[in-house]
Amino acid sequence: METESEPYVRLATLRQLHQVMADMNTARSLADTLQTVADGVVTGLGYELACVNLVQPDGDLVVAALAGNSAAEALITGRVGSRTSWERRLTMGEAWGDLRFIPHTEGWVLDEDDVPQWYTDGPAPRFEDEWHPADRLFAPMYTPGVPGGSCGELIGVLSVDRPRNGRHPGAWGREALQMYAFQAAIAISNARLRANMQRALVRLEREQQALRASEESFRQAFEYAPSGMAIAEMGGDQHGRILRTNDALCRLLGRPASSMRRYSFSDLVHPEDIGTLLRTSAEGGRAELRLCRRDGTYLWVSLRNSVVADAADGPRFLLTHVEDIEDRKRRELQLAHRASHDSLTGLPNSAELRSRLGARLCARPAAIEPGVVDTIDAAYGHGPADHAAVGVYDANGHGFDYRPGPEAFDAYDHHVHTVAPEGERDDGTKGLAVLFCDLDGFKSINDRFGHNAGDSVLIEVARRLGGAVRDGDTVARLGGDEFVVLADGLGRADAQDLAVRLRNEIIQPIRVDGRAMRVGASFGIGWAHCGMTADEVLQSADERMYIEKRSRPKAHRRAG
């Protein structure tokens, strides 16, 4: 191209230049683009050697492509020159527009730096504009932006050596090289973008493949898990709604998957366990509760929630693992029942009786100094005539005639106090009646007919007592032939009527092995109120029973 007389340039030369630029933009990869850029300098611009020095992420420049000399290509391709050395080159010599020409008279100072170099052999110049073997010409390549690229970011440098006509390039040659460097920068930037996109697509595809594999693994683990699994919504109006269940959970609850999606776990849980479920759903974790089967029965399960969250969006749904623990729970309940119930009659035993009674009673109030009473009155507006029958004790344990109202004690203990009727007449007060029952004539049955017969009598008495009381009342076997009934919400007359009904039930004949046996019963009625212990309440009822037993003639005590 440079052999032509400027400014006259043949159309064939322009077509050749256009073709090499087109080749730059159609290369399939970044490496192909870099090599095409180097080849185009040789074939389209008429230089004997061209080198593409590409800026690396660390700022240094690497020889990425070389054209025109295979020996030079093998020697310096892949070698790196420091950014400092290159910046020195781009500020030396003569500025030909955006090009930088360093004549041999100045370039000798660069011979020992770290930039990879190659010199084309040739004779010394014979005239003024002839190319010297030590001359250097660089075309910086900047990211596209402002025409000429001088304000862009440096992405590389084209270094060229010895035009084929042996002369320094003229105005047309310089303009062509500068324009070529600008187009090469665009092609390299586009190639880099395509390469980054291709790498991103490859990474995305790999991630999607890994995600699909993970989802398939999860699906198989979910579907074929031996225990129940469910996915439920978390948060919003549909919180807890079941989205998906596996076959094991459907079999466990006897419900098809299509119907399970109409429920949330709160629809299936036992009413007594709803609080446990809500705490578990909100916090994740494990709980043991009962779920309703299709036939209406309840099944004990261990329910374990995992909150599946997204880093950006927060909690999204609950992964729930449901394990059948019915057999274990049944054994635990059986063991607990055995520990708290009499093995012969199935009634609550002495320990369970004391536990239920003690749960209704608060401890005796702590000692209150006399001056505190006035403080309590001032706080709650009580006078001596306003106070309920709740005992207050001084520092010596002596009871005051003066008794503060329940609000004073609520300041110390939020407890519904158990009170008892006062006096022997029914004053309308309802309290917790404790009926102590001792069988009359039971020892003679054991002596005459043996302990097996006696056990049969005890079992029947327990059955009759349990059938004669209200739901919620407690019938317990204290030991031997002694039974206790706890009946809440009774007045004095109600308790006496209950004792009569229970005695009438007991004295009816009991048939054992074809024999009719009869026992009598003595009842003592005690009253529980706060400030007493369970043993004190039972002792009071026991004492009243013995008073009642001694007051009745022997003839009225029925034996078998």
Protein backbone atom coordinates (compact mmCIF):
# COMPACT_ATOMS: atom_id res chain seq x y z
CA MET A 1 0.00 0.00 0.00
CA GLU A 2 2.81 2.41 0.86
CA THR A 3 4.36 1.93 -2.64
CA GLU A 4 1.51 3.88 -4.09
CA SER A 5 1.89 7.60 -4.60
CA GLU A 6 -0.07 9.51 -1.99
CA PRO A 7 -2.72 10.80 -1.91
CA TYR A 8 -3.63 8.43 -4.77
CA VAL A 9 -4.63 5.02 -3.34
CA ARG A 10 -5.94 2.24 -5.49
CA LEU A 11 -9.46 0.91 -4.86
CA ALA A 12 -8.02 -2.59 -4.52
CA THR A 13 -5.94 -1.42 -1.55
CA LEU A 14 -9.00 0.01 0.18
CA ARG A 15 -10.88 -3.20 -0.45
CA GLN A 16 -8.02 -5.18 1.05
CA LEU A 17 -8.01 -2.94 4.12
CA HIS A 18 -11.77 -3.25 4.45
CA GLN A 19 -11.51 -7.03 4.24
CA VAL A 20 -8.93 -7.35 7.04
CA MET A 21 -11.10 -5.14 9.25
CA ALA A 22 -14.11 -7.29 8.48
CA ASP A 23 -12.08 -10.40 9.35
CA MET A 24 -11.27 -8.92 12.76
CA ASN A 25 -14.95 -8.64 13.62
CA THR A 26 -15.94 -12.10 12.42
CA ALA A 27 -13.31 -14.14 14.25
CA ARG A 28 -14.91 -16.80 16.47
CA SER A 29 -12.83 -16.33 19.60
CA LEU A 30 -10.65 -13.79 21.38
CA ALA A 31 -7.49 -15.69 20.39
CA ASP A 32 -8.62 -15.76 16.74
CA THR A 33 -9.41 -12.03 16.88
CA LEU A 34 -5.95 -11.18 18.27
CA GLN A 35 -4.22 -13.24 15.60
CA THR A 36 -6.41 -11.72 12.88
CA VAL A 37 -5.45 -8.24 14.10
CA ALA A 38 -1.74 -9.10 13.84
CA ASP A 39 -2.17 -10.76 10.41
CA GLY A 40 -4.12 -7.74 9.10
CA VAL A 41 -1.24 -5.39 9.83
CA VAL A 42 1.01 -7.54 7.66
CA THR A 43 -1.43 -8.31 4.84
CA GLY A 44 -3.50 -5.14 4.77
CA LEU A 45 -1.10 -2.40 5.89
CA GLY A 46 2.12 -3.71 4.35
CA TYR A 47 4.40 -4.15 7.40
CA GLU A 48 6.82 -7.07 7.60
CA LEU A 49 6.12 -7.81 11.27
CA ALA A 50 3.26 -6.97 13.68
CA CYS A 51 2.80 -7.77 17.35
CA VAL A 52 -0.32 -7.45 19.57
CA ASN A 53 0.57 -6.61 23.19
CA LEU A 54 -2.55 -7.09 25.33
CA VAL A 55 -3.12 -5.50 28.74
CA GLN A 56 -3.59 -8.15 31.46
CA PRO A 57 -5.79 -7.78 34.58
CA ASP A 58 -2.69 -6.85 36.62
CA GLY A 59 -1.88 -4.01 34.16
CA ASP A 60 1.20 -5.54 32.50
CA LEU A 61 1.16 -6.31 28.77
CA VAL A 62 1.62 -9.78 27.29
CA VAL A 63 2.57 -10.64 23.70
CA ALA A 64 -0.76 -12.20 22.68
CA ALA A 65 -0.25 -12.55 18.90
CA LEU A 66 2.52 -12.05 16.33
CA ALA A 67 2.54 -12.18 12.53
CA GLY A 68 5.23 -11.97 9.82
CA ASN A 69 8.08 -13.92 11.41
CA SER A 70 7.77 -17.45 12.77
CA ALA A 71 11.08 -17.24 14.62
CA ALA A 72 9.99 -14.08 16.41
CA GLU A 73 6.60 -15.66 17.15
CA ALA A 74 8.23 -18.66 18.82
CA LEU A 75 10.62 -16.48 20.80
CA ILE A 76 8.45 -13.78 22.32
CA THR A 77 4.79 -14.89 22.19
CA GLY A 78 3.47 -15.18 25.75
CA ARG A 79 6.22 -13.03 27.27
CA VAL A 80 5.23 -10.09 29.48
CA GLY A 81 6.39 -6.50 29.64
CA SER A 82 5.72 -4.28 32.64
CA ARG A 83 3.18 -1.48 32.45
CA THR A 84 5.84 1.01 33.57
CA SER A 85 8.13 0.14 30.66
CA TRP A 86 5.28 0.46 28.18
CA GLU A 87 4.15 3.80 29.58
CA ARG A 88 7.73 5.00 29.10
CA ARG A 89 7.63 3.96 25.44
CA LEU A 90 4.30 5.72 24.84
CA THR A 91 5.69 9.04 26.06
CA MET A 92 8.97 9.00 24.13
CA GLY A 93 9.84 9.88 20.57
CA GLU A 94 7.48 11.59 18.14
CA ALA A 95 3.70 11.68 18.37
CA TRP A 96 2.13 10.89 14.98
CA GLY A 97 -1.45 11.56 15.99
CA ASP A 98 -2.23 8.68 18.36
CA LEU A 99 0.81 6.77 17.09
CA ARG A 100 4.18 6.89 18.79
CA PHE A 101 7.36 6.70 16.66
CA ILE A 102 10.71 6.23 18.44
CA PRO A 103 13.65 6.66 16.05
CA HIS A 104 16.80 4.56 16.45
CA THR A 105 18.63 7.64 17.71
CA GLU A 106 16.47 7.58 20.92
CA GLY A 107 15.38 3.97 21.17
CA TRP A 108 18.73 2.56 22.20
CA VAL A 109 17.89 3.47 25.87
CA LEU A 110 15.11 0.83 25.77
CA ASP A 111 17.33 -2.07 24.72
CA GLU A 112 17.78 -3.42 28.25
CA ASP A 113 14.26 -3.06 29.68
CA ASP A 114 11.79 -5.94 30.22
CA VAL A 115 9.58 -5.46 27.12
CA PRO A 116 9.91 -8.42 24.68
CA GLN A 117 11.59 -7.13 21.48
CA TRP A 118 12.53 -8.33 17.99
CA TYR A 119 14.61 -6.50 15.41
CA THR A 120 14.43 -7.02 11.66
CA ASP A 121 17.86 -7.18 10.13
CA GLY A 122 18.69 -4.76 7.33
CA PRO A 123 21.22 -2.23 6.08
CA ALA A 124 21.69 1.19 7.57
CA PRO A 125 19.48 3.94 6.04
CA ARG A 126 20.78 5.52 2.84
CA PHE A 127 18.38 8.48 2.76
CA GLU A 128 16.45 10.58 5.26
CA ASP A 129 13.05 8.77 5.49
CA GLU A 130 14.40 5.22 5.11
CA TRP A 131 13.47 2.78 7.90
CA HIS A 132 16.25 1.91 10.34
CA PRO A 133 16.28 -1.63 11.86
CA ALA A 134 16.19 -0.06 15.35
CA ASP A 135 13.24 2.24 14.65
CA ARG A 136 10.08 1.54 16.67
CA LEU A 137 6.44 2.37 15.81
CA PHE A 138 3.55 1.77 18.28
CA ALA A 139 -0.21 2.11 17.81
CA PRO A 140 -2.00 2.22 21.20
CA MET A 141 -5.46 0.65 21.32
CA TYR A 142 -8.03 2.22 23.64
CA THR A 143 -11.51 1.17 24.61
CA PRO A 144 -14.08 2.67 22.22
CA GLY A 145 -15.57 5.96 23.20
CA VAL A 146 -14.27 9.24 21.94
CA PRO A 147 -13.13 9.07 18.27
CA GLY A 148 -9.42 8.42 18.27
CA GLY A 149 -9.69 6.62 21.60
CA SER A 150 -7.25 8.94 23.34
CA CYS A 151 -9.54 9.34 26.33
CA GLY A 152 -10.38 5.66 26.67
CA GLU A 153 -8.73 2.93 28.70
CA LEU A 154 -5.64 1.31 27.22
CA ILE A 155 -6.38 -2.30 26.25
CA GLY A 156 -3.23 -3.02 24.25
CA VAL A 157 -0.53 -1.78 21.88
CA LEU A 158 0.15 -2.72 18.24
CA SER A 159 3.90 -2.69 17.56
CA VAL A 160 4.95 -2.84 13.88
CA ASP A 161 8.33 -3.22 12.21
CA ARG A 162 9.76 -2.26 8.78
CA PRO A 163 7.25 -1.25 6.11
CA ARG A 164 7.75 -3.28 2.95
CA ASN A 165 8.75 -0.20 0.94
CA GLY A 166 11.49 0.44 3.49
CA ARG A 167 10.34 3.99 4.19
CA HIS A 168 8.70 5.71 7.13
CA PRO A 169 4.91 5.73 6.58
CA GLY A 170 3.50 8.88 5.10
CA ALA A 171 0.33 10.69 6.10
CA TRP A 172 -1.89 8.05 4.47
CA GLY A 173 0.01 5.16 6.06
CA ARG A 174 -0.08 6.77 9.48
CA GLU A 175 -3.82 7.50 9.19
CA ALA A 176 -4.47 3.93 8.03
CA LEU A 177 -2.51 2.42 10.99
CA GLN A 178 -4.24 4.72 13.47
CA MET A 179 -7.68 3.87 12.04
CA TYR A 180 -6.77 0.18 12.07
CA ALA A 181 -5.76 0.34 15.75
CA PHE A 182 -9.07 2.01 16.59
CA GLN A 183 -11.04 -0.73 14.78
CA ALA A 184 -8.84 -3.42 16.34
CA ALA A 185 -9.68 -2.05 19.80
CA ILE A 186 -13.39 -2.37 18.98
CA ALA A 187 -12.94 -5.91 17.67
CA ILE A 188 -10.88 -6.99 20.72
CA SER A 189 -13.41 -5.42 23.12
CA ASN A 190 -16.26 -7.20 21.36
CA ALA A 191 -14.33 -10.46 21.35
CA ARG A 192 -13.65 -10.10 25.07
CA LEU A 193 -17.32 -9.41 25.68
CA ARG A 194 -18.30 -12.47 23.66
CA ALA A 195 -15.73 -14.57 25.51
CA ASN A 196 -17.03 -13.33 28.87
CA MET A 197 -20.58 -14.03 27.79
CA GLN A 198 -19.63 -17.51 26.61
CA ARG A 199 -17.87 -18.22 29.91
CA ALA A 200 -20.88 -16.86 31.78
CA LEU A 201 -23.19 -19.04 29.71
CA VAL A 202 -21.01 -22.06 30.39
CA ARG A 203 -21.03 -21.29 34.12
CA LEU A 204 -24.77 -20.71 34.02
CA GLU A 205 -25.34 -24.00 32.22
CA ARG A 206 -23.17 -25.81 34.73
CA GLU A 207 -25.00 -24.16 37.59
CA GLN A 208 -28.34 -25.05 36.01
CA GLN A 209 -27.19 -28.62 35.53
CA ALA A 210 -26.07 -28.73 39.16
CA LEU A 211 -29.38 -27.18 40.21
CA ARG A 212 -31.34 -29.69 38.15
CA ALA A 213 -29.29 -32.51 39.63
CA SER A 214 -29.84 -31.10 43.12
CA GLU A 215 -33.57 -30.70 42.50
CA GLU A 216 -33.79 -34.24 41.18
CA SER A 217 -31.87 -35.52 44.16
CA PHE A 218 -34.18 -33.59 46.49
CA ARG A 219 -37.25 -34.83 44.62
CA GLN A 220 -36.19 -38.44 44.94
CA ALA A 221 -35.23 -38.00 48.59
CA PHE A 222 -38.57 -36.27 49.23
CA GLU A 223 -40.79 -38.66 47.28
CA TYR A 224 -39.17 -41.91 48.38
CA ALA A 225 -38.37 -41.01 51.99
CA PRO A 226 -39.56 -43.79 54.34
CA SER A 227 -41.12 -41.21 56.68
CA GLY A 228 -43.56 -38.41 55.97
CA MET A 229 -42.39 -35.21 54.26
CA ALA A 230 -44.30 -32.03 53.42
CA ILE A 231 -43.61 -28.56 52.07
CA ALA A 232 -45.75 -25.77 53.50
CA GLU A 233 -45.99 -22.05 52.90
CA MET A 234 -44.42 -19.70 55.41
CA GLY A 235 -45.71 -16.22 56.12
CA GLY A 236 -48.63 -14.32 54.67
CA ASP A 237 -52.31 -15.25 54.67
CA GLN A 238 -51.56 -18.80 53.55
CA HIS A 239 -49.02 -19.54 56.28
CA GLY A 240 -48.84 -23.26 56.99
CA ARG A 241 -50.82 -24.33 53.91
CA ILE A 242 -49.53 -27.65 52.62
CA LEU A 243 -48.09 -27.36 49.11
CA ARG A 244 -46.71 -30.84 48.58
CA THR A 245 -46.59 -34.17 50.41
CA ASN A 246 -44.88 -37.48 49.77
CA ASP A 247 -46.49 -40.91 49.64
CA ALA A 248 -45.29 -41.86 53.12
CA LEU A 249 -47.18 -38.96 54.74
CA CYS A 250 -50.30 -39.69 52.72
CA ARG A 251 -50.22 -43.32 53.86
CA LEU A 252 -49.51 -42.28 57.44
CA LEU A 253 -52.61 -40.08 57.62
CA GLY A 254 -54.73 -42.14 55.23
CA ARG A 255 -55.33 -39.12 53.00
CA PRO A 256 -54.67 -38.70 49.25
CA ALA A 257 -52.18 -36.07 48.12
CA SER A 258 -54.92 -34.07 46.36
CA SER A 259 -56.88 -33.65 49.59
CA MET A 260 -53.77 -32.86 51.65
CA ARG A 261 -53.26 -29.69 49.61
CA ARG A 262 -56.58 -28.37 50.93
CA TYR A 263 -55.26 -28.32 54.50
CA SER A 264 -52.67 -26.69 56.64
CA PHE A 265 -51.12 -28.54 59.58
CA SER A 266 -53.21 -26.42 61.95
CA ASP A 267 -56.32 -28.02 60.39
CA LEU A 268 -55.00 -31.51 61.15
CA VAL A 269 -53.42 -31.09 64.57
CA HIS A 270 -55.19 -32.05 67.81
CA PRO A 271 -56.77 -28.96 69.43
CA GLU A 272 -54.64 -29.43 72.55
CA ASP A 273 -51.45 -29.33 70.45
CA ILE A 274 -52.17 -26.23 68.36
CA GLY A 275 -49.94 -24.00 70.52
CA THR A 276 -47.04 -26.41 70.16
CA LEU A 277 -47.52 -26.46 66.38
CA LEU A 278 -47.59 -22.67 66.06
CA ARG A 279 -44.41 -22.26 68.09
CA THR A 280 -42.68 -24.91 66.02
CA SER A 281 -43.86 -23.42 62.70
CA ALA A 282 -42.65 -19.95 63.61
CA GLU A 283 -39.26 -20.93 64.95
CA GLY A 284 -38.44 -24.17 63.19
CA GLY A 285 -37.36 -27.12 65.30
CA ARG A 286 -39.01 -30.27 66.60
CA ALA A 287 -42.27 -31.05 68.40
CA GLU A 288 -44.29 -34.10 69.34
CA LEU A 289 -48.01 -33.74 68.67
CA ARG A 290 -51.06 -35.50 67.33
CA LEU A 291 -52.33 -35.34 63.73
CA CYS A 292 -55.80 -36.35 62.60
CA ARG A 293 -56.15 -39.31 60.25
CA ARG A 294 -58.88 -39.59 57.64
CA ASP A 295 -60.93 -41.88 59.92
CA GLY A 296 -60.96 -39.24 62.68
CA THR A 297 -58.41 -40.93 64.94
CA TYR A 298 -55.28 -39.12 66.07
CA LEU A 299 -51.75 -40.32 65.55
CA TRP A 300 -48.72 -39.26 67.61
CA VAL A 301 -45.94 -37.94 65.36
CA SER A 302 -42.60 -36.23 65.73
CA LEU A 303 -42.77 -33.11 63.57
CA ARG A 304 -39.52 -31.39 62.63
CA ASN A 305 -39.55 -28.12 60.68
CA SER A 306 -36.71 -26.58 58.73
CA VAL A 307 -37.10 -22.99 57.60
CA VAL A 308 -35.93 -22.77 53.98
CA ALA A 309 -34.80 -19.18 53.41
CA ASP A 310 -33.52 -17.11 50.53
CA ALA A 311 -30.65 -14.73 51.22
CA ALA A 312 -32.47 -11.84 49.54
CA ASP A 313 -36.15 -12.55 50.15
CA GLY A 314 -36.05 -14.04 53.65
CA PRO A 315 -38.04 -17.10 54.76
CA ARG A 316 -40.02 -18.72 51.97
CA PHE A 317 -41.42 -22.08 53.11
CA LEU A 318 -41.19 -24.85 55.67
CA LEU A 319 -39.82 -28.29 54.98
CA THR A 320 -41.57 -30.58 57.44
CA HIS A 321 -40.45 -34.08 58.38
CA VAL A 322 -43.16 -36.20 60.01
CA GLU A 323 -42.22 -39.42 61.81
CA ASP A 324 -44.68 -41.93 63.27
CA ILE A 325 -44.03 -42.26 67.04
CA GLU A 326 -47.38 -43.81 67.97
CA ASP A 327 -45.86 -47.00 69.38
CA ARG A 328 -43.22 -45.17 71.39
CA LYS A 329 -45.71 -42.62 72.66
CA ARG A 330 -48.12 -45.37 73.64
CA ARG A 331 -45.38 -47.09 75.62
CA GLU A 332 -44.42 -43.81 77.28
CA LEU A 333 -48.04 -43.08 78.18
CA GLN A 334 -48.44 -46.59 79.49
CA LEU A 335 -45.34 -46.21 81.65
CA ALA A 336 -46.52 -42.82 82.87
CA HIS A 337 -49.97 -44.27 83.59
CA ARG A 338 -48.47 -47.16 85.52
CA ALA A 339 -46.37 -44.76 87.57
CA SER A 340 -49.38 -42.61 88.46
CA HIS A 341 -52.19 -45.19 88.68
CA ASP A 342 -53.04 -48.15 90.84
CA SER A 343 -52.22 -51.41 89.07
CA LEU A 344 -55.28 -53.23 90.49
CA THR A 345 -58.11 -50.77 90.00
CA GLY A 346 -56.65 -48.44 87.36
CA LEU A 347 -57.48 -45.42 89.53
CA PRO A 348 -54.98 -42.62 90.21
CA ASN A 349 -52.65 -43.71 93.00
CA SER A 350 -51.57 -41.88 96.13
CA ALA A 351 -48.76 -39.94 94.38
CA GLU A 352 -51.04 -38.80 91.55
CA LEU A 353 -53.75 -37.83 94.05
CA ARG A 354 -51.33 -35.63 95.97
CA SER A 355 -50.06 -34.12 92.72
CA ARG A 356 -53.56 -33.18 91.52
CA LEU A 357 -54.52 -31.83 94.92
CA GLY A 358 -51.27 -29.91 95.35
CA ALA A 359 -51.70 -28.31 91.91
CA ARG A 360 -54.86 -26.58 93.18
CA LEU A 361 -53.25 -25.20 96.33
CA CYS A 362 -50.81 -22.34 96.61
CA ALA A 363 -48.26 -22.30 99.39
CA ARG A 364 -49.02 -20.65 102.73
CA PRO A 365 -48.45 -16.90 102.38
CA ALA A 366 -45.14 -15.63 103.62
CA ALA A 367 -45.01 -13.83 106.94
CA ILE A 368 -46.32 -10.28 106.64
CA GLU A 369 -45.41 -7.65 109.19
CA PRO A 370 -48.41 -5.94 110.80
CA GLY A 371 -47.48 -2.63 109.23
CA VAL A 372 -47.71 -4.17 105.76
CA VAL A 373 -51.44 -4.72 106.21
CA ASP A 374 -52.04 -0.98 106.28
CA THR A 375 -49.90 -0.60 103.15
CA ILE A 376 -51.98 -3.25 101.35
CA ASP A 377 -55.20 -1.56 102.43
CA ALA A 378 -53.95 1.78 101.17
CA ALA A 379 -53.02 0.26 97.82
CA TYR A 380 -56.25 -1.70 97.25
CA GLY A 381 -58.76 0.36 99.20
CA HIS A 382 -59.67 -2.39 101.67
CA GLY A 383 -60.93 -1.91 105.18
CA PRO A 384 -61.20 -4.61 107.88
CA ALA A 385 -64.73 -5.48 106.80
CA ASP A 386 -63.79 -5.93 103.14
CA HIS A 387 -61.34 -8.80 103.36
CA ALA A 388 -61.98 -12.33 102.08
CA ALA A 389 -61.17 -15.45 104.05
CA VAL A 390 -57.53 -15.81 103.11
CA GLY A 391 -55.15 -16.39 106.03
CA VAL A 392 -52.40 -13.88 106.81
CA TYR A 393 -49.71 -14.75 109.33
CA ASP A 394 -47.42 -12.54 111.33
CA ALA A 395 -43.70 -13.12 111.80
CA ASN A 396 -44.40 -15.57 114.63
CA GLY A 397 -46.81 -17.63 112.56
CA HIS A 398 -49.91 -16.38 114.40
CA GLY A 399 -52.93 -15.60 112.30
CA PHE A 400 -54.37 -12.10 112.20
CA ASP A 401 -58.07 -11.55 112.80
CA TYR A 402 -57.60 -9.03 110.02
CA ARG A 403 -57.47 -10.64 106.51
CA PRO A 404 -56.61 -8.72 103.31
CA GLY A 405 -58.54 -9.30 100.11
CA PRO A 406 -57.42 -11.53 97.22
CA GLU A 407 -56.05 -8.58 95.25
CA ALA A 408 -53.33 -8.15 97.87
CA PHE A 409 -52.12 -11.66 97.27
CA ASP A 410 -52.40 -11.32 93.50
CA ALA A 411 -49.57 -8.84 93.79
CA TYR A 412 -47.40 -11.75 94.92
CA ASP A 413 -48.90 -14.73 93.06
CA HIS A 414 -51.27 -14.87 90.08
CA HIS A 415 -53.27 -17.81 91.40
CA VAL A 416 -57.00 -18.54 91.65
CA HIS A 417 -57.27 -19.29 95.35
CA THR A 418 -59.14 -22.31 96.61
CA VAL A 419 -61.58 -21.40 99.36
CA ALA A 420 -63.77 -23.56 101.60
CA PRO A 421 -67.22 -23.17 103.21
CA GLU A 422 -67.07 -21.88 106.78
CA GLY A 423 -68.99 -23.31 109.70
CA GLU A 424 -71.20 -26.38 109.70
CA ARG A 425 -74.04 -24.75 107.78
CA ASP A 426 -74.10 -24.28 104.01
CA ASP A 427 -73.22 -20.61 103.44
CA GLY A 428 -73.34 -20.86 99.62
CA THR A 429 -69.56 -21.03 99.21
CA LYS A 430 -68.40 -23.53 96.61
CA GLY A 431 -65.11 -25.26 97.25
CA LEU A 432 -62.96 -28.32 96.61
CA ALA A 433 -64.45 -31.19 98.61
CA VAL A 434 -62.20 -34.08 99.60
CA LEU A 435 -64.18 -37.24 100.43
CA PHE A 436 -62.14 -39.85 102.27
CA CYS A 437 -63.71 -43.32 101.96
CA ASP A 438 -62.85 -46.36 104.06
CA LEU A 439 -64.61 -49.69 103.39
CA ASP A 440 -66.33 -51.35 106.33
CA GLY A 441 -66.12 -55.13 106.64
CA PHE A 442 -63.56 -55.57 103.90
CA LYS A 443 -61.07 -57.42 106.12
CA SER A 444 -63.56 -60.20 106.79
CA ILE A 445 -63.92 -60.80 103.02
CA ASN A 446 -60.18 -61.28 102.70
CA ASP A 447 -60.16 -63.59 105.74
CA ARG A 448 -63.12 -65.72 104.62
CA PHE A 449 -62.77 -65.82 100.83
CA GLY A 450 -59.14 -64.94 100.17
CA HIS A 451 -57.32 -62.01 98.62
CA ASN A 452 -58.49 -62.77 95.10
CA ALA A 453 -62.06 -62.19 96.21
CA GLY A 454 -60.95 -59.06 98.04
CA ASP A 455 -59.26 -57.76 94.91
CA SER A 456 -62.44 -58.35 92.93
CA VAL A 457 -64.40 -56.34 95.48
CA LEU A 458 -61.91 -53.46 95.29
CA ILE A 459 -62.11 -53.43 91.50
CA GLU A 460 -65.92 -53.29 91.61
CA VAL A 461 -65.95 -50.55 94.26
CA ALA A 462 -63.55 -48.50 92.11
CA ARG A 463 -65.82 -48.97 89.10
CA ARG A 464 -68.90 -47.85 91.05
CA LEU A 465 -67.18 -44.80 92.48
CA GLY A 466 -65.93 -43.76 89.05
CA GLY A 467 -69.38 -44.15 87.56
CA ALA A 468 -71.07 -42.09 90.29
CA VAL A 469 -68.96 -38.92 90.09
CA ARG A 470 -68.97 -36.14 87.49
CA ASP A 471 -66.58 -35.79 84.60
CA GLY A 472 -63.58 -33.90 85.89
CA ASP A 473 -63.84 -35.26 89.44
CA THR A 474 -61.03 -37.51 90.63
CA VAL A 475 -61.45 -40.93 92.22
CA ALA A 476 -58.17 -42.28 93.61
CA ARG A 477 -57.11 -45.33 95.57
CA LEU A 478 -55.04 -44.18 98.50
CA GLY A 479 -54.04 -47.71 99.49
CA GLY A 480 -55.61 -50.87 100.89
CA ASP A 481 -59.38 -50.32 101.13
CA GLU A 482 -59.12 -46.52 101.25
CA PHE A 483 -60.37 -44.32 98.44
CA VAL A 484 -60.46 -40.54 97.99
CA VAL A 485 -62.76 -38.42 95.81
CA LEU A 486 -61.86 -34.86 94.77
CA ALA A 487 -64.95 -32.93 93.70
CA ASP A 488 -64.62 -29.23 92.88
CA GLY A 489 -67.34 -26.59 92.95
CA LEU A 490 -69.45 -28.15 95.73
CA GLY A 491 -71.16 -26.56 98.69
CA ARG A 492 -71.36 -28.29 102.04
CA ALA A 493 -74.80 -29.80 101.33
CA ASP A 494 -73.67 -30.92 97.85
CA ALA A 495 -70.72 -32.77 99.36
CA GLN A 496 -72.90 -34.52 101.92
CA ASP A 497 -75.35 -35.59 99.20
CA LEU A 498 -72.45 -36.94 97.13
CA ALA A 499 -71.19 -38.98 100.10
CA VAL A 500 -74.65 -40.52 100.55
CA ARG A 501 -74.90 -41.43 96.85
CA LEU A 502 -71.46 -43.00 96.84
CA ARG A 503 -72.22 -45.01 100.00
CA ASN A 504 -75.47 -46.27 98.48
CA GLU A 505 -73.56 -47.41 95.38
CA ILE A 506 -70.96 -49.26 97.43
CA ILE A 507 -73.33 -51.15 99.74
CA GLN A 508 -75.12 -52.87 96.87
CA PRO A 509 -74.26 -56.61 96.68
CA ILE A 510 -71.11 -57.54 94.77
CA ARG A 511 -71.05 -60.96 93.12
CA VAL A 512 -67.73 -62.77 93.16
CA ASP A 513 -67.44 -66.38 91.99
CA GLY A 514 -71.19 -66.86 92.36
CA ARG A 515 -71.31 -65.40 95.87
CA ALA A 516 -72.98 -62.14 96.84
CA MET A 517 -70.72 -60.05 99.02
CA ARG A 518 -71.38 -56.72 100.65
CA VAL A 519 -69.21 -54.05 102.18
CA GLY A 520 -70.06 -50.82 103.88
CA ALA A 521 -68.34 -47.46 103.60
CA SER A 522 -67.49 -44.61 105.93
CA PHE A 523 -66.93 -41.14 104.47
CA GLY A 524 -65.15 -38.13 105.89
CA ILE A 525 -65.51 -34.78 104.13
CA GLY A 526 -62.62 -32.37 104.24
CA TRP A 527 -62.18 -29.07 102.45
CA ALA A 528 -59.09 -27.87 100.63
CA HIS A 529 -58.05 -24.26 100.76
CA CYS A 530 -54.87 -22.38 99.98
CA GLY A 531 -52.36 -22.33 102.77
CA MET A 532 -52.78 -26.07 103.38
CA THR A 533 -50.62 -28.82 102.01
CA ALA A 534 -52.06 -31.87 100.24
CA ASP A 535 -51.19 -34.07 103.24
CA GLU A 536 -52.95 -31.65 105.60
CA VAL A 537 -56.10 -31.77 103.47
CA LEU A 538 -56.07 -35.58 103.36
CA GLN A 539 -55.37 -35.82 107.08
CA SER A 540 -58.33 -33.53 107.81
CA ALA A 541 -60.66 -35.68 105.67
CA ASP A 542 -59.25 -38.87 107.25
CA GLU A 543 -59.92 -37.56 110.74
CA ARG A 544 -63.50 -36.69 109.84
CA MET A 545 -63.95 -40.18 108.35
CA TYR A 546 -62.90 -41.81 111.62
CA ILE A 547 -65.22 -39.50 113.54
CA GLU A 548 -68.05 -40.54 111.22
CA LYS A 549 -67.11 -44.26 111.50
CA ARG A 550 -67.03 -44.17 115.31
CA SER A 551 -70.35 -42.33 115.45
CA ARG A 552 -72.19 -45.08 113.57
CA PRO A 553 -73.36 -48.24 115.36
CA LYS A 554 -71.65 -51.46 114.28
CA ALA A 555 -74.98 -52.79 113.09
CA HIS A 556 -75.09 -50.11 110.41
CA ARG A 557 -71.68 -51.09 109.05
CA ARG A 558 -72.34 -53.63 106.31
CA ALA A 559 -69.93 -56.50 105.79
CA GLY A 560 -69.73 -59.28 103.25
